[in-house]
Amino acid sequence: MIQIKNLSKSFGKNQVLKNIDLDFKKGKVYGIVGENGAGKTTLFRCIAGLEKYQGEVSSTINPLKNHLGLLLTEPFIFSKITGKEYIRLLVNARKVEITDLEERNVFDLPLNQYASTYSTGMKKKLALTAILLQQNDLFILDEPFNGVDIQSNQLITEIIHKLKSLDKLVILSSHIFSTLAETCDEIYLMKDGEIIKKVMQEDFKKLEQEMKSFTIGNKLEKLGL
């Protein structure tokens, strides 16, 4: 469904993505993991067409941006718009008519309240609701579980499973490895702007242990606790 060839991206002299090659198929969930600054968000923005880049991003669906729901880590919210108006703005952009919005408010958001007054987690749930109601074919979710309460995390996990069953393509990042292990078919490890490892489900536990060992190392001893 999406093929990425030799994708690179630089900000001035700083190269943040280096010759990335990836293939994403519909009906699957892909996880991207890596430390802060590894290039995950920049990769997502390139796929969504929000950044200029070198290389190629091709899709069986064109134009890709008209079928893609992008959830950013910090969704942009206009200052004087209610939650309900925000959702209607996004679904109208896809020419989708929603007549039962209150019933579809699965996160129980105060839709008549200005969305700019929402907490970080509420803004994320509002943005997720909007791109789901757009009826997209592809979803890119950048840290969908971060800053969200436990109950909503459980619901988001089930939403991802449902999207997979509907033959949608889902690409997500998360610093919470257990959520990736619970939802993904494949996980890609990024480091310094490169994809350094592809891991299938049967090796998720091994990857988690490797990442924990690499991240923690002897740092606890250095603290002298």
Protein backbone atom coordinates (compact mmCIF):
# COMPACT_ATOMS: atom_id res chain seq x y z
CA MET A 1 0.00 0.00 0.00
CA ILE A 2 2.89 2.36 0.82
CA GLN A 3 6.45 1.97 -0.42
CA ILE A 4 9.26 4.18 0.82
CA LYS A 5 12.52 4.19 -1.14
CA ASN A 6 15.78 5.86 -0.17
CA LEU A 7 14.03 8.51 1.93
CA SER A 8 16.36 11.10 3.46
CA LYS A 9 15.69 14.38 5.23
CA SER A 10 17.99 17.13 6.45
CA PHE A 11 17.46 20.31 8.43
CA GLY A 12 20.38 22.42 7.29
CA LYS A 13 23.53 20.39 7.88
CA ASN A 14 21.73 18.02 10.27
CA GLN A 15 20.61 14.85 8.46
CA VAL A 16 17.75 13.36 10.50
CA LEU A 17 16.63 10.58 8.10
CA LYS A 18 19.12 8.46 6.15
CA ASN A 19 18.17 6.34 3.15
CA ILE A 20 15.08 4.69 4.62
CA ASP A 21 13.42 1.82 2.72
CA LEU A 22 10.10 0.49 4.02
CA ASP A 23 7.02 -1.34 2.75
CA PHE A 24 3.70 -1.06 4.56
CA LYS A 25 0.71 -3.24 3.62
CA LYS A 26 -2.97 -2.70 4.42
CA GLY A 27 -4.52 -4.84 7.13
CA LYS A 28 -1.36 -4.64 9.23
CA VAL A 29 -0.13 -2.62 12.21
CA TYR A 30 3.47 -1.41 12.22
CA GLY A 31 5.36 0.00 15.19
CA ILE A 32 8.29 2.40 15.04
CA VAL A 33 10.46 2.60 18.15
CA GLY A 34 13.57 4.53 19.03
CA GLU A 35 14.99 7.07 21.43
CA ASN A 36 13.94 10.71 21.36
CA GLY A 37 15.49 12.33 18.31
CA ALA A 38 15.76 9.05 16.38
CA GLY A 39 13.64 10.52 13.55
CA LYS A 40 10.24 8.88 14.11
CA THR A 41 8.11 12.04 13.97
CA THR A 42 10.06 13.42 11.00
CA LEU A 43 9.48 10.14 9.15
CA PHE A 44 5.75 10.38 9.83
CA ARG A 45 5.63 13.99 8.66
CA CYS A 46 7.43 13.05 5.43
CA ILE A 47 4.97 10.23 4.72
CA ALA A 48 2.09 12.64 5.35
CA GLY A 49 3.56 15.20 2.96
CA LEU A 50 4.20 17.82 5.64
CA GLU A 51 7.96 17.90 5.01
CA LYS A 52 10.04 18.06 1.86
CA TYR A 53 12.46 15.16 1.50
CA GLN A 54 14.75 13.30 -0.84
CA GLY A 55 13.67 9.88 -2.06
CA GLU A 56 10.26 8.47 -2.88
CA VAL A 57 7.01 7.74 -1.04
CA SER A 58 4.52 5.95 -3.29
CA SER A 59 1.10 4.50 -2.57
CA THR A 60 -1.63 2.49 -4.24
CA ILE A 61 -4.02 5.23 -3.03
CA ASN A 62 -3.63 8.68 -4.57
CA PRO A 63 -3.46 11.36 -3.45
CA LEU A 64 -2.29 9.72 -0.24
CA LYS A 65 -2.95 12.79 1.93
CA ASN A 66 -6.68 12.57 1.16
CA HIS A 67 -6.91 9.11 2.71
CA LEU A 68 -4.52 9.53 5.64
CA GLY A 69 -5.38 10.28 9.24
CA LEU A 70 -2.38 11.75 11.06
CA LEU A 71 -2.36 11.99 14.85
CA LEU A 72 0.51 14.20 15.97
CA THR A 73 2.02 14.04 19.45
CA GLU A 74 0.65 17.53 20.11
CA PRO A 75 -2.37 18.14 17.83
CA PHE A 76 -2.86 21.73 16.68
CA ILE A 77 -6.10 23.21 18.00
CA PHE A 78 -7.56 26.59 16.96
CA SER A 79 -8.08 28.88 19.95
CA LYS A 80 -11.79 29.64 19.47
CA ILE A 81 -13.29 26.36 18.31
CA THR A 82 -15.30 23.83 20.28
CA GLY A 83 -14.59 20.12 20.27
CA LYS A 84 -17.68 19.57 18.15
CA GLU A 85 -16.64 22.23 15.64
CA TYR A 86 -13.15 20.73 15.44
CA ILE A 87 -14.52 17.30 14.53
CA ARG A 88 -16.97 18.72 11.99
CA LEU A 89 -14.16 20.75 10.39
CA LEU A 90 -12.07 17.63 9.85
CA VAL A 91 -14.89 15.37 8.63
CA ASN A 92 -16.17 18.08 6.28
CA ALA A 93 -12.69 18.18 4.73
CA ARG A 94 -13.28 14.54 3.70
CA LYS A 95 -16.87 15.26 2.62
CA VAL A 96 -18.13 12.87 5.30
CA GLU A 97 -21.50 13.56 6.89
CA ILE A 98 -21.88 12.82 10.61
CA THR A 99 -25.40 13.04 12.07
CA ASP A 100 -24.89 11.17 15.35
CA LEU A 101 -21.77 12.87 16.71
CA GLU A 102 -22.83 12.71 20.35
CA GLU A 103 -23.26 8.94 20.13
CA ARG A 104 -19.81 8.58 18.56
CA ASN A 105 -18.14 10.56 21.34
CA VAL A 106 -16.60 7.39 22.77
CA PHE A 107 -14.07 9.29 24.90
CA ASP A 108 -16.86 11.30 26.60
CA LEU A 109 -15.31 14.65 25.68
CA PRO A 110 -17.05 17.96 26.50
CA LEU A 111 -17.71 18.72 22.84
CA ASN A 112 -19.43 22.06 23.47
CA GLN A 113 -16.39 23.39 25.32
CA TYR A 114 -13.52 25.25 23.62
CA ALA A 115 -11.00 22.58 22.64
CA SER A 116 -8.10 24.89 23.54
CA THR A 117 -9.12 24.46 27.21
CA TYR A 118 -8.76 20.67 26.99
CA SER A 119 -5.92 18.86 28.72
CA THR A 120 -3.14 17.34 26.60
CA GLY A 121 -4.78 13.90 26.77
CA MET A 122 -8.21 15.27 25.88
CA LYS A 123 -6.81 17.09 22.82
CA LYS A 124 -5.22 13.85 21.67
CA LYS A 125 -8.50 11.95 22.10
CA LEU A 126 -10.37 14.70 20.21
CA ALA A 127 -7.92 14.58 17.30
CA LEU A 128 -8.06 10.77 17.22
CA THR A 129 -11.86 10.81 17.18
CA ALA A 130 -11.85 13.27 14.28
CA ILE A 131 -9.48 11.28 12.05
CA LEU A 132 -11.38 8.07 12.81
CA LEU A 133 -14.67 9.67 11.75
CA GLN A 134 -12.99 10.85 8.54
CA GLN A 135 -13.10 7.21 7.38
CA ASN A 136 -9.44 7.14 6.32
CA ASP A 137 -7.66 4.10 4.87
CA LEU A 138 -4.32 4.80 6.54
CA PHE A 139 -3.61 6.00 10.08
CA ILE A 140 -0.31 7.32 11.40
CA LEU A 141 -0.42 7.63 15.17
CA ASP A 142 2.52 9.40 16.82
CA GLU A 143 2.58 8.45 20.50
CA PRO A 144 -1.20 7.84 20.73
CA PHE A 145 -0.92 6.46 24.29
CA ASN A 146 1.24 9.25 25.73
CA GLY A 147 -0.57 11.53 28.20
CA VAL A 148 -3.81 9.55 27.99
CA ASP A 149 -5.54 7.85 30.95
CA ILE A 150 -5.47 4.07 31.39
CA GLN A 151 -9.09 3.53 30.37
CA SER A 152 -8.59 5.48 27.15
CA ASN A 153 -5.37 3.58 26.44
CA GLN A 154 -7.35 0.35 26.60
CA LEU A 155 -9.94 1.78 24.21
CA ILE A 156 -7.26 3.03 21.80
CA THR A 157 -5.71 -0.45 21.79
CA GLU A 158 -9.06 -1.98 20.83
CA ILE A 159 -9.58 0.71 18.17
CA ILE A 160 -6.27 -0.27 16.58
CA HIS A 161 -7.32 -3.93 16.57
CA LYS A 162 -10.61 -2.92 14.94
CA LEU A 163 -8.86 -0.89 12.24
CA LYS A 164 -6.72 -3.91 11.43
CA SER A 165 -9.81 -6.11 11.13
CA LEU A 166 -11.25 -3.54 8.71
CA ASP A 167 -8.15 -3.97 6.51
CA LYS A 168 -6.81 -0.52 7.34
CA LEU A 169 -3.10 0.27 7.57
CA VAL A 170 -1.86 1.58 10.93
CA ILE A 171 1.64 2.93 11.66
CA LEU A 172 2.36 4.04 15.21
CA SER A 173 5.12 4.99 17.59
CA SER A 174 5.14 4.56 21.34
CA HIS A 175 7.57 4.65 24.24
CA ILE A 176 5.33 2.12 26.02
CA PHE A 177 6.63 -1.14 24.57
CA SER A 178 3.78 -3.26 25.96
CA THR A 179 1.25 -1.35 23.85
CA LEU A 180 3.26 -2.01 20.72
CA ALA A 181 3.62 -5.70 21.54
CA GLU A 182 -0.13 -5.90 22.05
CA THR A 183 -1.06 -4.23 18.75
CA CYS A 184 1.71 -4.59 16.15
CA ASP A 185 2.48 -7.19 13.51
CA GLU A 186 5.99 -5.83 12.95
CA ILE A 187 8.21 -3.38 14.82
CA TYR A 188 11.02 -1.33 13.29
CA LEU A 189 13.82 0.03 15.47
CA MET A 190 15.15 3.47 14.52
CA LYS A 191 18.47 4.91 15.59
CA ASP A 192 20.07 8.15 14.41
CA GLY A 193 17.69 8.47 11.46
CA GLU A 194 18.10 4.90 10.20
CA ILE A 195 16.04 1.72 10.42
CA ILE A 196 18.48 -0.68 12.05
CA LYS A 197 16.23 -3.66 12.78
CA LYS A 198 12.94 -5.25 11.75
CA VAL A 199 11.31 -7.51 14.35
CA MET A 200 8.37 -9.88 13.92
CA GLN A 201 5.86 -10.73 16.66
CA GLU A 202 7.64 -13.87 17.84
CA ASP A 203 10.74 -11.81 18.71
CA PHE A 204 9.06 -8.83 20.43
CA LYS A 205 10.08 -10.04 23.91
CA LYS A 206 13.70 -10.37 22.81
CA LEU A 207 13.65 -6.84 21.37
CA GLU A 208 12.18 -5.47 24.59
CA GLN A 209 14.96 -7.04 26.63
CA GLU A 210 17.61 -5.74 24.23
CA MET A 211 16.18 -2.22 24.40
CA LYS A 212 15.98 -2.34 28.21
CA SER A 213 19.54 -3.57 28.50
CA PHE A 214 20.82 -0.92 26.10
CA THR A 215 18.84 1.91 27.70
CA ILE A 216 19.52 1.11 31.34
CA GLY A 217 22.97 -0.47 31.15
CA ASN A 218 24.98 0.55 34.21
CA LYS A 219 23.23 3.91 34.66
CA LEU A 220 21.66 2.91 38.00
CA GLU A 221 25.09 2.15 39.39
CA LYS A 222 26.32 5.55 38.20
CA LEU A 223 23.57 7.23 40.21
CA GLY A 224 24.86 5.57 43.35
CA LEU A 225 21.40 5.02 44.78
